[in-house]
């Protein structure tokens, strides 16, 4: 693996205004066109797959909502490569940094999320963070004033796909 996407789901693949509901009824569902945008952007940027940072990763792997997420990603050619693990008191950025440290085959990455957490405290994360502001992947913007090349390429992939869909 060389290029991965650290993926949040809520606020990225859905929003609080999404009308779709996950199978259990406990989560807002995933919007299909956002899955397509993600898959298209990943192919454009040459990404190998996603690493889940989302709270959805805490579901049992046989839970209907996790299977729904996994199947939706798979329909668009997106592989789940793993998930971050945060222990009590650790933040999302801690989980990402630990994951990168344990996987020295990761050459580059982007982070798709709607929450800044403490990403701005780590330049390596901040310059690769694409902020959806809870409005979905199509509303992604650079968090950093000096984004990484990988973030620029990925955002260009989102933009190109979004224009084709509209």
N, C-alpha and C. Protein backbone atom coordinates (compact mmCIF):
# COMPACT_ATOMS: atom_id res chain seq x y z
N UNK A 1 0.86 -1.18 0.00
CA UNK A 1 0.00 0.00 0.00
C UNK A 1 0.90 1.22 0.00
N UNK A 2 0.48 2.22 -0.74
CA UNK A 2 1.31 3.42 -0.77
C UNK A 2 0.52 4.70 -0.51
N UNK A 3 -0.72 4.77 -0.95
CA UNK A 3 -1.51 5.98 -0.78
C UNK A 3 -2.87 5.57 -0.23
N UNK A 4 -3.20 6.06 0.98
CA UNK A 4 -4.46 5.69 1.63
C UNK A 4 -5.28 6.93 1.99
N UNK A 5 -6.56 6.69 2.19
CA UNK A 5 -7.47 7.72 2.67
C UNK A 5 -7.91 7.33 4.07
N UNK A 6 -7.66 8.20 5.04
CA UNK A 6 -8.19 8.01 6.38
C UNK A 6 -9.61 8.58 6.35
N UNK A 7 -10.60 7.70 6.49
CA UNK A 7 -11.99 8.03 6.18
C UNK A 7 -12.90 8.08 7.40
N UNK A 8 -13.51 9.23 7.58
CA UNK A 8 -14.66 9.37 8.46
C UNK A 8 -15.88 9.14 7.58
N UNK A 9 -17.01 8.76 8.14
CA UNK A 9 -18.22 8.53 7.36
C UNK A 9 -19.23 9.66 7.56
N UNK A 10 -19.61 9.90 8.82
CA UNK A 10 -20.63 10.89 9.10
C UNK A 10 -20.10 12.29 8.79
N UNK A 11 -20.83 13.01 7.94
CA UNK A 11 -20.40 14.33 7.49
C UNK A 11 -19.55 14.28 6.23
N UNK A 12 -19.17 13.07 5.81
CA UNK A 12 -18.38 12.88 4.59
C UNK A 12 -19.21 12.14 3.55
N UNK A 13 -19.71 10.97 3.90
CA UNK A 13 -20.53 10.17 2.99
C UNK A 13 -22.02 10.36 3.26
N UNK A 14 -22.34 11.11 4.28
CA UNK A 14 -23.71 11.50 4.58
C UNK A 14 -23.67 12.85 5.28
N UNK A 15 -24.83 13.43 5.51
CA UNK A 15 -24.91 14.66 6.30
C UNK A 15 -26.12 14.54 7.21
N UNK A 16 -26.29 15.50 8.08
CA UNK A 16 -27.45 15.47 8.97
C UNK A 16 -28.75 15.62 8.19
N UNK A 17 -28.67 16.08 6.94
CA UNK A 17 -29.86 16.25 6.10
C UNK A 17 -30.10 15.07 5.17
N UNK A 18 -29.22 14.05 5.22
CA UNK A 18 -29.42 12.88 4.36
C UNK A 18 -30.72 12.18 4.72
N UNK A 19 -31.41 11.70 3.71
CA UNK A 19 -32.71 11.04 3.91
C UNK A 19 -32.57 9.53 4.06
N UNK A 20 -31.41 9.00 3.73
CA UNK A 20 -31.18 7.56 3.78
C UNK A 20 -30.87 7.14 5.22
N UNK A 21 -31.33 5.97 5.60
CA UNK A 21 -31.07 5.44 6.94
C UNK A 21 -30.33 4.12 6.79
N UNK A 22 -29.34 3.88 7.64
CA UNK A 22 -28.62 2.60 7.65
C UNK A 22 -29.59 1.50 8.07
N UNK A 23 -29.29 0.25 7.73
CA UNK A 23 -30.21 -0.85 8.01
C UNK A 23 -30.75 -0.93 9.44
N UNK A 24 -29.93 -0.65 10.43
CA UNK A 24 -30.39 -0.76 11.82
C UNK A 24 -31.30 0.39 12.23
N UNK A 25 -31.26 1.47 11.47
CA UNK A 25 -32.02 2.66 11.82
C UNK A 25 -31.32 3.54 12.84
N UNK A 26 -30.14 3.14 13.29
CA UNK A 26 -29.40 3.91 14.31
C UNK A 26 -28.48 4.96 13.70
N UNK A 27 -28.07 4.77 12.45
CA UNK A 27 -27.16 5.70 11.78
C UNK A 27 -27.85 6.34 10.60
N UNK A 28 -27.42 7.56 10.26
CA UNK A 28 -27.83 8.15 9.00
C UNK A 28 -27.14 7.33 7.92
N UNK A 29 -27.86 7.01 6.87
CA UNK A 29 -27.31 6.17 5.81
C UNK A 29 -26.27 6.88 4.95
N UNK A 30 -25.67 6.12 4.08
CA UNK A 30 -24.64 6.61 3.18
C UNK A 30 -25.29 6.97 1.85
N UNK A 31 -24.93 8.12 1.33
CA UNK A 31 -25.51 8.60 0.09
C UNK A 31 -24.69 8.05 -1.08
N UNK A 32 -25.37 7.42 -2.02
CA UNK A 32 -24.71 6.71 -3.12
C UNK A 32 -23.80 7.61 -3.96
N UNK A 33 -24.26 8.81 -4.30
CA UNK A 33 -23.41 9.64 -5.15
C UNK A 33 -22.13 10.04 -4.42
N UNK A 34 -22.15 10.10 -3.10
CA UNK A 34 -20.93 10.42 -2.35
C UNK A 34 -19.96 9.25 -2.38
N UNK A 35 -20.47 8.04 -2.37
CA UNK A 35 -19.61 6.86 -2.54
C UNK A 35 -18.94 6.92 -3.91
N UNK A 36 -19.71 7.30 -4.92
CA UNK A 36 -19.14 7.41 -6.28
C UNK A 36 -18.06 8.48 -6.32
N UNK A 37 -18.32 9.63 -5.71
CA UNK A 37 -17.29 10.68 -5.67
C UNK A 37 -16.01 10.18 -5.02
N UNK A 38 -16.17 9.48 -3.89
CA UNK A 38 -15.00 8.95 -3.20
C UNK A 38 -14.24 7.97 -4.08
N UNK A 39 -14.95 7.02 -4.68
CA UNK A 39 -14.29 6.04 -5.54
C UNK A 39 -13.60 6.69 -6.72
N UNK A 40 -14.27 7.64 -7.37
CA UNK A 40 -13.67 8.32 -8.51
C UNK A 40 -12.42 9.10 -8.10
N UNK A 41 -12.50 9.81 -6.98
CA UNK A 41 -11.35 10.60 -6.51
C UNK A 41 -10.19 9.69 -6.15
N UNK A 42 -10.50 8.55 -5.56
CA UNK A 42 -9.43 7.61 -5.19
C UNK A 42 -8.74 7.06 -6.43
N UNK A 43 -9.51 6.71 -7.45
CA UNK A 43 -8.90 6.22 -8.69
C UNK A 43 -8.07 7.33 -9.35
N UNK A 44 -8.59 8.54 -9.38
CA UNK A 44 -7.89 9.68 -9.97
C UNK A 44 -6.54 9.91 -9.28
N UNK A 45 -6.54 9.81 -7.96
CA UNK A 45 -5.33 10.09 -7.18
C UNK A 45 -4.42 8.86 -7.03
N UNK A 46 -4.91 7.70 -7.41
CA UNK A 46 -4.10 6.48 -7.29
C UNK A 46 -4.07 5.91 -5.88
N UNK A 47 -5.17 6.07 -5.15
CA UNK A 47 -5.25 5.55 -3.78
C UNK A 47 -5.48 4.05 -3.78
N UNK A 48 -4.90 3.39 -2.79
CA UNK A 48 -5.01 1.94 -2.67
C UNK A 48 -6.22 1.49 -1.87
N UNK A 49 -6.73 2.33 -1.00
CA UNK A 49 -7.88 1.96 -0.18
C UNK A 49 -8.06 2.94 0.96
N UNK A 50 -9.02 2.59 1.84
CA UNK A 50 -9.32 3.46 2.98
C UNK A 50 -8.95 2.78 4.29
N UNK A 51 -8.61 3.62 5.24
CA UNK A 51 -8.43 3.20 6.63
C UNK A 51 -9.53 3.93 7.40
N UNK A 52 -10.37 3.18 8.06
CA UNK A 52 -11.51 3.77 8.76
C UNK A 52 -11.08 4.48 10.04
N UNK A 53 -11.48 5.74 10.15
CA UNK A 53 -11.29 6.49 11.38
C UNK A 53 -12.64 6.74 12.04
N UNK A 54 -13.69 6.49 11.32
CA UNK A 54 -15.06 6.73 11.73
C UNK A 54 -15.48 5.91 12.94
N UNK A 55 -16.48 6.37 13.65
CA UNK A 55 -17.02 5.58 14.76
C UNK A 55 -17.67 4.29 14.25
N UNK A 56 -18.00 4.23 12.97
CA UNK A 56 -18.57 3.01 12.40
C UNK A 56 -17.61 1.83 12.54
N UNK A 57 -16.32 2.10 12.66
CA UNK A 57 -15.33 1.02 12.80
C UNK A 57 -15.51 0.23 14.09
N UNK A 58 -16.22 0.82 15.06
CA UNK A 58 -16.42 0.15 16.34
C UNK A 58 -17.56 -0.87 16.32
N UNK A 59 -18.29 -0.90 15.21
CA UNK A 59 -19.35 -1.90 15.07
C UNK A 59 -18.71 -3.28 14.87
N UNK A 60 -19.41 -4.32 15.31
CA UNK A 60 -18.95 -5.68 15.01
C UNK A 60 -18.86 -5.82 13.49
N UNK A 61 -17.91 -6.59 13.02
CA UNK A 61 -17.70 -6.74 11.57
C UNK A 61 -18.85 -7.49 10.89
N UNK A 62 -19.70 -8.15 11.69
CA UNK A 62 -20.87 -8.82 11.12
C UNK A 62 -22.16 -8.03 11.37
N UNK A 63 -22.04 -6.82 11.93
CA UNK A 63 -23.21 -5.97 12.19
C UNK A 63 -23.77 -5.49 10.85
N UNK A 64 -25.07 -5.43 10.73
CA UNK A 64 -25.71 -5.06 9.48
C UNK A 64 -25.27 -3.69 8.97
N UNK A 65 -25.01 -2.75 9.85
CA UNK A 65 -24.59 -1.42 9.40
C UNK A 65 -23.14 -1.43 8.90
N UNK A 66 -22.28 -2.23 9.55
CA UNK A 66 -20.90 -2.32 9.06
C UNK A 66 -20.88 -3.01 7.70
N UNK A 67 -21.67 -4.05 7.54
CA UNK A 67 -21.75 -4.75 6.25
C UNK A 67 -22.30 -3.82 5.16
N UNK A 68 -23.26 -2.99 5.52
CA UNK A 68 -23.82 -1.99 4.62
C UNK A 68 -22.73 -1.01 4.16
N UNK A 69 -21.91 -0.54 5.09
CA UNK A 69 -20.79 0.34 4.75
C UNK A 69 -19.80 -0.37 3.84
N UNK A 70 -19.41 -1.55 4.25
CA UNK A 70 -18.42 -2.34 3.49
C UNK A 70 -18.92 -2.62 2.07
N UNK A 71 -20.18 -3.01 1.94
CA UNK A 71 -20.75 -3.31 0.62
C UNK A 71 -20.84 -2.05 -0.24
N UNK A 72 -21.22 -0.93 0.37
CA UNK A 72 -21.29 0.33 -0.37
C UNK A 72 -19.93 0.73 -0.91
N UNK A 73 -18.91 0.63 -0.09
CA UNK A 73 -17.56 0.95 -0.53
C UNK A 73 -17.12 0.00 -1.64
N UNK A 74 -17.38 -1.29 -1.46
CA UNK A 74 -16.97 -2.30 -2.44
C UNK A 74 -17.65 -2.07 -3.80
N UNK A 75 -18.91 -1.63 -3.80
CA UNK A 75 -19.61 -1.35 -5.06
C UNK A 75 -18.87 -0.32 -5.90
N UNK A 76 -18.07 0.50 -5.26
CA UNK A 76 -17.34 1.54 -5.96
C UNK A 76 -15.84 1.25 -6.01
N UNK A 77 -15.49 -0.01 -5.79
CA UNK A 77 -14.10 -0.44 -5.92
C UNK A 77 -13.19 0.03 -4.81
N UNK A 78 -13.77 0.33 -3.64
CA UNK A 78 -12.99 0.86 -2.52
C UNK A 78 -12.73 -0.23 -1.51
N UNK A 79 -11.46 -0.51 -1.26
CA UNK A 79 -11.06 -1.52 -0.29
C UNK A 79 -10.87 -0.91 1.09
N UNK A 80 -11.35 -1.61 2.10
CA UNK A 80 -11.05 -1.22 3.48
C UNK A 80 -9.75 -1.91 3.85
N UNK A 81 -8.71 -1.14 4.08
CA UNK A 81 -7.39 -1.69 4.39
C UNK A 81 -7.17 -1.90 5.87
N UNK A 82 -7.94 -1.19 6.69
CA UNK A 82 -7.78 -1.32 8.13
C UNK A 82 -8.57 -0.24 8.83
N UNK A 83 -8.27 -0.09 10.10
CA UNK A 83 -8.93 0.93 10.91
C UNK A 83 -7.95 1.41 11.98
N UNK A 84 -8.13 2.65 12.36
CA UNK A 84 -7.30 3.17 13.45
C UNK A 84 -7.86 2.65 14.76
N UNK A 85 -7.00 2.62 15.76
CA UNK A 85 -7.41 2.16 17.10
C UNK A 85 -6.94 3.19 18.11
N UNK A 86 -7.91 3.77 18.79
CA UNK A 86 -7.59 4.72 19.84
C UNK A 86 -7.99 4.10 21.17
N UNK A 87 -7.10 4.18 22.12
CA UNK A 87 -7.40 3.71 23.46
C UNK A 87 -7.98 4.87 24.27
N UNK A 88 -8.49 4.58 25.42
CA UNK A 88 -9.11 5.61 26.27
C UNK A 88 -8.18 6.82 26.40
N UNK A 89 -8.73 7.98 26.17
CA UNK A 89 -7.96 9.21 26.30
C UNK A 89 -7.20 9.60 25.05
N UNK A 90 -7.19 8.75 24.04
CA UNK A 90 -6.49 9.08 22.80
C UNK A 90 -7.46 9.71 21.81
N UNK A 91 -6.92 10.55 20.95
CA UNK A 91 -7.72 11.27 19.98
C UNK A 91 -7.64 10.61 18.61
N UNK A 92 -8.46 11.09 17.69
CA UNK A 92 -8.45 10.56 16.33
C UNK A 92 -7.08 10.75 15.69
N UNK A 93 -6.47 11.91 15.93
CA UNK A 93 -5.15 12.13 15.33
C UNK A 93 -4.11 11.17 15.90
N UNK A 94 -4.23 10.81 17.19
CA UNK A 94 -3.33 9.81 17.77
C UNK A 94 -3.47 8.48 17.03
N UNK A 95 -4.71 8.11 16.75
CA UNK A 95 -4.96 6.86 16.04
C UNK A 95 -4.35 6.85 14.65
N UNK A 96 -4.48 7.98 13.95
CA UNK A 96 -3.90 8.07 12.61
C UNK A 96 -2.38 8.01 12.67
N UNK A 97 -1.79 8.78 13.57
CA UNK A 97 -0.32 8.78 13.69
C UNK A 97 0.21 7.40 14.05
N UNK A 98 -0.46 6.70 14.97
CA UNK A 98 -0.03 5.34 15.34
C UNK A 98 -0.17 4.39 14.16
N UNK A 99 -1.24 4.53 13.39
CA UNK A 99 -1.45 3.66 12.24
C UNK A 99 -0.32 3.85 11.22
N UNK A 100 0.01 5.10 10.94
CA UNK A 100 1.08 5.40 9.98
C UNK A 100 2.41 4.84 10.48
N UNK A 101 2.66 5.00 11.76
CA UNK A 101 3.91 4.49 12.35
C UNK A 101 4.02 2.97 12.22
N UNK A 102 2.91 2.27 12.39
CA UNK A 102 2.91 0.81 12.32
C UNK A 102 2.94 0.28 10.88
N UNK A 103 2.61 1.13 9.92
CA UNK A 103 2.52 0.70 8.52
C UNK A 103 3.49 1.54 7.68
N UNK A 104 4.74 1.13 7.69
CA UNK A 104 5.76 1.91 6.99
C UNK A 104 5.64 1.84 5.48
N UNK A 105 4.71 1.04 4.96
CA UNK A 105 4.47 0.99 3.53
C UNK A 105 3.55 2.12 3.06
N UNK A 106 3.00 2.91 3.97
CA UNK A 106 2.19 4.07 3.59
C UNK A 106 3.14 5.18 3.17
N UNK A 107 3.08 5.51 1.89
CA UNK A 107 3.93 6.57 1.35
C UNK A 107 3.26 7.94 1.43
N UNK A 108 1.92 7.93 1.28
CA UNK A 108 1.20 9.19 1.35
C UNK A 108 -0.24 8.91 1.76
N UNK A 109 -0.96 9.97 2.12
CA UNK A 109 -2.33 9.81 2.58
C UNK A 109 -3.06 11.14 2.55
N UNK A 110 -4.37 11.06 2.60
CA UNK A 110 -5.23 12.21 2.86
C UNK A 110 -6.20 11.81 3.97
N UNK A 111 -6.73 12.80 4.63
CA UNK A 111 -7.72 12.60 5.69
C UNK A 111 -9.00 13.28 5.24
N UNK A 112 -10.10 12.53 5.21
CA UNK A 112 -11.42 13.09 4.92
C UNK A 112 -12.22 13.07 6.20
N UNK A 113 -12.59 14.24 6.69
CA UNK A 113 -13.31 14.32 7.96
C UNK A 113 -14.07 15.64 8.00
N UNK A 114 -15.00 15.73 8.93
CA UNK A 114 -15.75 16.97 9.10
C UNK A 114 -15.42 17.64 10.44
N UNK A 115 -14.43 17.11 11.13
CA UNK A 115 -14.04 17.64 12.43
C UNK A 115 -12.53 17.83 12.44
N UNK A 116 -12.07 18.94 12.96
CA UNK A 116 -10.63 19.24 12.98
C UNK A 116 -9.86 18.46 14.03
N UNK A 117 -10.53 17.97 15.06
CA UNK A 117 -9.85 17.31 16.17
C UNK A 117 -8.61 18.10 16.52
N UNK A 118 -7.44 17.48 16.56
CA UNK A 118 -6.19 18.18 16.82
C UNK A 118 -5.26 18.12 15.62
N UNK A 119 -5.83 17.92 14.42
CA UNK A 119 -5.01 17.78 13.23
C UNK A 119 -4.08 18.95 13.01
N UNK A 120 -4.54 20.16 13.36
CA UNK A 120 -3.72 21.36 13.11
C UNK A 120 -2.45 21.37 13.95
N UNK A 121 -2.39 20.55 14.98
CA UNK A 121 -1.19 20.47 15.80
C UNK A 121 -0.08 19.63 15.17
N UNK A 122 -0.40 18.97 14.07
CA UNK A 122 0.56 18.09 13.39
C UNK A 122 0.57 18.46 11.91
N UNK A 123 1.60 19.16 11.48
CA UNK A 123 1.66 19.62 10.09
C UNK A 123 1.47 18.47 9.10
N UNK A 124 2.04 17.32 9.41
CA UNK A 124 1.93 16.15 8.53
C UNK A 124 0.46 15.77 8.31
N UNK A 125 -0.38 15.95 9.31
CA UNK A 125 -1.81 15.65 9.19
C UNK A 125 -2.56 16.84 8.60
N UNK A 126 -2.28 18.03 9.09
CA UNK A 126 -3.02 19.22 8.72
C UNK A 126 -2.95 19.49 7.22
N UNK A 127 -1.78 19.33 6.62
CA UNK A 127 -1.63 19.63 5.19
C UNK A 127 -2.29 18.58 4.30
N UNK A 128 -2.68 17.46 4.88
CA UNK A 128 -3.35 16.39 4.13
C UNK A 128 -4.83 16.26 4.50
N UNK A 129 -5.31 17.16 5.32
CA UNK A 129 -6.69 17.11 5.81
C UNK A 129 -7.62 17.86 4.88
N UNK A 130 -8.63 17.16 4.37
CA UNK A 130 -9.69 17.77 3.58
C UNK A 130 -10.93 17.83 4.44
N UNK A 131 -11.39 19.04 4.71
CA UNK A 131 -12.49 19.31 5.63
C UNK A 131 -13.80 19.39 4.86
N UNK A 132 -14.76 18.53 5.20
CA UNK A 132 -16.07 18.55 4.54
C UNK A 132 -17.05 19.47 5.25
N UNK A 133 -16.70 19.95 6.42
CA UNK A 133 -17.56 20.83 7.23
C UNK A 133 -18.94 20.22 7.46
N UNK A 134 -19.02 18.90 7.42
CA UNK A 134 -20.29 18.20 7.66
C UNK A 134 -21.26 18.26 6.51
N UNK A 135 -20.81 18.77 5.37
CA UNK A 135 -21.69 18.95 4.20
C UNK A 135 -21.49 17.90 3.12
N UNK A 136 -20.66 16.91 3.37
CA UNK A 136 -20.41 15.85 2.40
C UNK A 136 -19.13 16.06 1.63
N UNK A 137 -18.65 14.97 1.04
CA UNK A 137 -17.37 14.97 0.33
C UNK A 137 -17.30 16.01 -0.78
N UNK A 138 -18.44 16.29 -1.41
CA UNK A 138 -18.45 17.25 -2.52
C UNK A 138 -18.14 18.67 -2.05
N UNK A 139 -18.21 18.93 -0.77
CA UNK A 139 -17.92 20.26 -0.21
C UNK A 139 -16.53 20.33 0.42
N UNK A 140 -15.68 19.36 0.15
CA UNK A 140 -14.34 19.31 0.74
C UNK A 140 -13.52 20.54 0.38
N UNK A 141 -12.78 21.03 1.36
CA UNK A 141 -11.86 22.14 1.16
C UNK A 141 -10.55 21.83 1.89
N UNK A 142 -9.50 22.51 1.49
CA UNK A 142 -8.23 22.37 2.20
C UNK A 142 -8.37 22.97 3.59
N UNK A 143 -7.86 22.29 4.57
CA UNK A 143 -7.80 22.86 5.91
C UNK A 143 -6.59 23.79 6.01
N UNK A 144 -5.49 23.35 5.43
CA UNK A 144 -4.23 24.08 5.51
C UNK A 144 -4.12 25.13 4.41
N UNK A 145 -3.46 26.21 4.71
CA UNK A 145 -3.16 27.22 3.68
C UNK A 145 -2.10 26.69 2.72
N UNK A 146 -1.37 25.65 3.15
CA UNK A 146 -0.35 25.04 2.31
C UNK A 146 -0.60 23.53 2.23
N UNK A 147 -1.61 23.11 1.45
CA UNK A 147 -1.94 21.69 1.38
C UNK A 147 -0.86 20.89 0.68
N UNK A 148 -0.81 19.61 1.01
CA UNK A 148 0.14 18.71 0.35
C UNK A 148 -0.30 18.48 -1.09
N UNK A 149 0.63 18.03 -1.91
CA UNK A 149 0.31 17.71 -3.30
C UNK A 149 -0.75 16.62 -3.35
N UNK A 150 -0.65 15.64 -2.46
CA UNK A 150 -1.63 14.56 -2.46
C UNK A 150 -3.04 15.09 -2.17
N UNK A 151 -3.17 16.06 -1.26
CA UNK A 151 -4.47 16.66 -0.97
C UNK A 151 -4.98 17.42 -2.19
N UNK A 152 -4.09 18.12 -2.88
CA UNK A 152 -4.49 18.86 -4.07
C UNK A 152 -4.98 17.93 -5.17
N UNK A 153 -4.26 16.85 -5.40
CA UNK A 153 -4.66 15.89 -6.43
C UNK A 153 -5.99 15.23 -6.06
N UNK A 154 -6.14 14.85 -4.81
CA UNK A 154 -7.37 14.20 -4.37
C UNK A 154 -8.56 15.14 -4.53
N UNK A 155 -8.41 16.38 -4.10
CA UNK A 155 -9.51 17.35 -4.22
C UNK A 155 -9.84 17.61 -5.69
N UNK A 156 -8.84 17.62 -6.54
CA UNK A 156 -9.08 17.76 -7.98
C UNK A 156 -9.91 16.58 -8.49
N UNK A 157 -9.61 15.39 -8.00
CA UNK A 157 -10.39 14.20 -8.38
C UNK A 157 -11.84 14.30 -7.94
N UNK A 158 -12.08 14.82 -6.74
CA UNK A 158 -13.46 15.03 -6.28
C UNK A 158 -14.16 16.03 -7.19
N UNK A 159 -13.49 17.12 -7.49
CA UNK A 159 -14.06 18.18 -8.31
C UNK A 159 -14.42 17.69 -9.71
N UNK A 160 -13.51 16.95 -10.33
CA UNK A 160 -13.76 16.44 -11.67
C UNK A 160 -14.95 15.48 -11.68
N UNK A 161 -15.02 14.60 -10.70
CA UNK A 161 -16.12 13.65 -10.61
C UNK A 161 -17.44 14.37 -10.36
N UNK A 162 -17.41 15.36 -9.46
CA UNK A 162 -18.63 16.10 -9.13
C UNK A 162 -19.18 16.84 -10.35
N UNK A 163 -18.28 17.38 -11.17
CA UNK A 163 -18.72 18.08 -12.38
C UNK A 163 -19.37 17.10 -13.36
N UNK A 164 -18.85 15.89 -13.45
CA UNK A 164 -19.44 14.88 -14.33
C UNK A 164 -20.81 14.45 -13.85
N UNK A 165 -21.00 14.42 -12.52
CA UNK A 165 -22.29 14.00 -11.97
C UNK A 165 -23.35 15.07 -12.13
N UNK A 166 -22.94 16.33 -12.22
CA UNK A 166 -23.91 17.44 -12.30
C UNK A 166 -24.14 17.91 -13.70
